[in-house]
Amino acid sequence: MDKVAFTAAGLYAIVLLRAGGTFAVGWLAGAGARRGRLAERISTAKFRRAERAIQRWGAPVVAVSFLTVGFQTAANFLAGSMRMPLSRYLPALFVGGAGWALVYATAGIGALELLARLFAGQAVIGVAAVTVLLLTVCGVLVYRGRKAALAPRHTAADES
């Protein structure tokens, strides 16, 4: 149990710094981000979805975003750029970050122990499992990259 507590504490510190930093960058960028170089990056569907959710539900969206993949950074950045008050943001950060740290500490340690047992007992099967996992991740990334490249781009000129 000490292993999980130590790992969760380390991950908690990391997530507080990372998510808090993302919020701070969003706060500093403010409305300027919507006009500058970041405008195209934050106009993606993921960022628009996060912004609508934050506008509607506020801090609970930030807390729940820690249990998602890919939505967390957008939610923290947009909460900052929308100038969410710290009195609402910090409790969401502390609660959501704690949930994230516990999930990743327990699942991460479990996955590492499973791999260690697999490699200790059957090294060939362990190498094959890791290879299949890496090839699957690479395949998904290539597929998503090609899909995004083929998607039509909307610009301000298209709408006028």
Protein backbone atom coordinates (compact mmCIF):
# COMPACT_ATOMS: atom_id res chain seq x y z
CA MET A 1 0.00 0.00 0.00
CA ASP A 2 2.95 2.31 0.63
CA LYS A 3 3.89 1.98 -3.02
CA VAL A 4 0.47 3.24 -4.17
CA ALA A 5 0.43 6.11 -1.65
CA PHE A 6 3.94 7.23 -2.62
CA THR A 7 3.16 7.03 -6.35
CA ALA A 8 -0.18 8.81 -5.91
CA ALA A 9 1.48 11.61 -3.92
CA GLY A 10 4.10 12.10 -6.63
CA LEU A 11 1.50 12.07 -9.38
CA TYR A 12 -0.67 14.49 -7.40
CA ALA A 13 2.18 16.98 -7.19
CA ILE A 14 2.82 16.59 -10.92
CA VAL A 15 -0.83 17.09 -11.89
CA LEU A 16 -1.20 20.13 -9.65
CA LEU A 17 1.82 21.76 -11.28
CA ARG A 18 0.91 20.75 -14.83
CA ALA A 19 -2.80 21.58 -14.71
CA GLY A 20 -2.22 24.70 -12.63
CA GLY A 21 0.41 25.80 -15.13
CA THR A 22 -1.96 25.20 -18.01
CA PHE A 23 -4.61 27.27 -16.23
CA ALA A 24 -2.04 30.06 -15.64
CA VAL A 25 -1.02 30.06 -19.31
CA GLY A 26 -4.69 30.29 -20.27
CA TRP A 27 -5.20 33.12 -17.77
CA LEU A 28 -2.24 35.06 -19.15
CA ALA A 29 -3.20 34.42 -22.74
CA GLY A 30 -6.78 35.52 -22.11
CA ALA A 31 -8.66 36.89 -25.07
CA GLY A 32 -5.42 37.46 -26.99
CA ALA A 33 -5.19 33.74 -27.64
CA ARG A 34 -8.35 33.90 -29.71
CA ARG A 35 -6.78 36.48 -32.03
CA GLY A 36 -3.15 35.36 -32.24
CA ARG A 37 -1.28 32.27 -33.35
CA LEU A 38 -3.17 30.07 -30.92
CA ALA A 39 -6.51 30.96 -32.52
CA GLU A 40 -6.38 28.05 -34.97
CA ARG A 41 -5.22 25.61 -32.28
CA ILE A 42 -7.96 26.50 -29.81
CA SER A 43 -10.69 26.55 -32.44
CA THR A 44 -10.60 22.76 -32.80
CA ALA A 45 -13.70 20.75 -31.98
CA LYS A 46 -12.14 19.51 -28.72
CA PHE A 47 -11.52 23.04 -27.46
CA ARG A 48 -14.96 24.28 -28.55
CA ARG A 49 -16.59 21.33 -26.77
CA ALA A 50 -14.56 22.05 -23.61
CA GLU A 51 -15.44 25.74 -23.71
CA ARG A 52 -19.17 25.05 -24.06
CA ALA A 53 -19.05 22.58 -21.17
CA ILE A 54 -17.15 25.00 -18.93
CA GLN A 55 -19.54 27.84 -19.77
CA ARG A 56 -22.51 25.66 -18.91
CA TRP A 57 -21.28 23.66 -15.90
CA GLY A 58 -18.20 25.52 -14.60
CA ALA A 59 -15.84 24.00 -12.05
CA PRO A 60 -17.34 20.46 -12.04
CA VAL A 61 -16.29 20.13 -15.70
CA VAL A 62 -12.72 20.93 -14.72
CA ALA A 63 -12.80 18.32 -11.93
CA VAL A 64 -14.28 15.61 -14.17
CA SER A 65 -11.89 16.47 -17.02
CA PHE A 66 -9.09 14.83 -15.04
CA LEU A 67 -10.73 11.46 -15.64
CA THR A 68 -10.64 11.90 -19.42
CA VAL A 69 -7.87 11.66 -21.97
CA GLY A 70 -7.25 14.69 -24.16
CA PHE A 71 -9.97 16.87 -22.64
CA GLN A 72 -8.07 17.75 -19.46
CA THR A 73 -5.59 20.20 -20.99
CA ALA A 74 -8.28 21.94 -23.00
CA ALA A 75 -10.52 22.31 -19.94
CA ASN A 76 -7.73 23.78 -17.77
CA PHE A 77 -6.49 26.15 -20.47
CA LEU A 78 -9.98 27.38 -21.29
CA ALA A 79 -10.89 27.78 -17.61
CA GLY A 80 -7.89 30.09 -17.38
CA SER A 81 -8.59 31.98 -20.58
CA MET A 82 -12.22 32.44 -19.51
CA ARG A 83 -10.90 33.87 -16.20
CA MET A 84 -12.62 31.32 -13.96
CA PRO A 85 -12.22 32.66 -10.40
CA LEU A 86 -9.56 30.86 -8.35
CA SER A 87 -12.13 30.27 -5.61
CA ARG A 88 -13.95 27.96 -8.04
CA TYR A 89 -10.97 26.61 -9.98
CA LEU A 90 -8.72 25.51 -7.11
CA PRO A 91 -11.24 23.14 -5.44
CA ALA A 92 -11.90 21.57 -8.86
CA LEU A 93 -8.14 21.22 -9.42
CA PHE A 94 -7.56 19.62 -6.00
CA VAL A 95 -10.45 17.15 -6.28
CA GLY A 96 -9.93 16.28 -9.93
CA GLY A 97 -6.16 16.01 -9.51
CA ALA A 98 -6.58 13.64 -6.55
CA GLY A 99 -8.87 11.41 -8.59
CA TRP A 100 -6.44 11.42 -11.51
CA ALA A 101 -3.48 10.59 -9.27
CA LEU A 102 -5.28 7.70 -7.58
CA VAL A 103 -6.49 6.19 -10.85
CA TYR A 104 -3.11 6.42 -12.53
CA ALA A 105 -1.20 5.24 -9.43
CA THR A 106 -3.31 2.12 -8.93
CA ALA A 107 -3.76 1.24 -12.61
CA GLY A 108 -0.15 2.14 -13.43
CA ILE A 109 1.34 0.04 -10.65
CA GLY A 110 -0.99 -2.83 -11.53
CA ALA A 111 0.05 -2.69 -15.19
CA LEU A 112 3.76 -2.54 -14.32
CA GLU A 113 3.46 -5.49 -11.94
CA LEU A 114 1.58 -7.48 -14.58
CA LEU A 115 4.31 -6.74 -17.13
CA ALA A 116 7.02 -7.67 -14.62
CA ARG A 117 5.35 -11.04 -13.95
CA LEU A 118 4.86 -11.60 -17.66
CA PHE A 119 8.50 -10.86 -18.45
CA ALA A 120 9.74 -12.95 -15.51
CA GLY A 121 7.71 -16.00 -16.49
CA GLN A 122 7.55 -15.78 -20.28
CA ALA A 123 9.91 -13.18 -21.71
CA VAL A 124 8.90 -13.93 -25.31
CA ILE A 125 5.22 -13.39 -24.54
CA GLY A 126 6.08 -10.18 -22.67
CA VAL A 127 8.07 -8.80 -25.60
CA ALA A 128 5.27 -9.80 -27.99
CA ALA A 129 2.64 -8.10 -25.80
CA VAL A 130 4.63 -4.85 -25.61
CA THR A 131 5.29 -4.97 -29.37
CA VAL A 132 1.59 -5.45 -30.15
CA LEU A 133 0.71 -2.60 -27.79
CA LEU A 134 3.24 -0.23 -29.39
CA LEU A 135 2.16 -1.17 -32.92
CA THR A 136 -1.48 -0.60 -31.98
CA VAL A 137 -0.72 2.84 -30.53
CA CYS A 138 1.33 3.77 -33.61
CA GLY A 139 -1.44 2.55 -35.90
CA VAL A 140 -4.06 4.60 -34.08
CA LEU A 141 -1.86 7.71 -34.21
CA VAL A 142 -1.19 7.30 -37.94
CA TYR A 143 -4.89 6.71 -38.61
CA ARG A 144 -5.93 9.79 -36.63
CA GLY A 145 -3.25 11.89 -38.32
CA ARG A 146 -4.40 10.88 -41.79
CA LYS A 147 -8.04 11.39 -40.86
CA ALA A 148 -7.25 14.89 -39.54
CA ALA A 149 -5.25 15.73 -42.68
CA LEU A 150 -8.17 14.75 -44.89
CA ALA A 151 -10.76 16.67 -42.85
CA PRO A 152 -11.91 19.93 -44.46
CA ARG A 153 -10.50 23.04 -42.81
CA HIS A 154 -12.82 25.97 -42.04
CA THR A 155 -11.41 29.48 -42.11
CA ALA A 156 -12.91 32.89 -41.56
CA ALA A 157 -12.77 33.44 -45.36
CA ASP A 158 -15.03 30.40 -45.86
CA GLU A 159 -17.75 31.90 -43.70
CA SER A 160 -17.88 35.31 -45.38
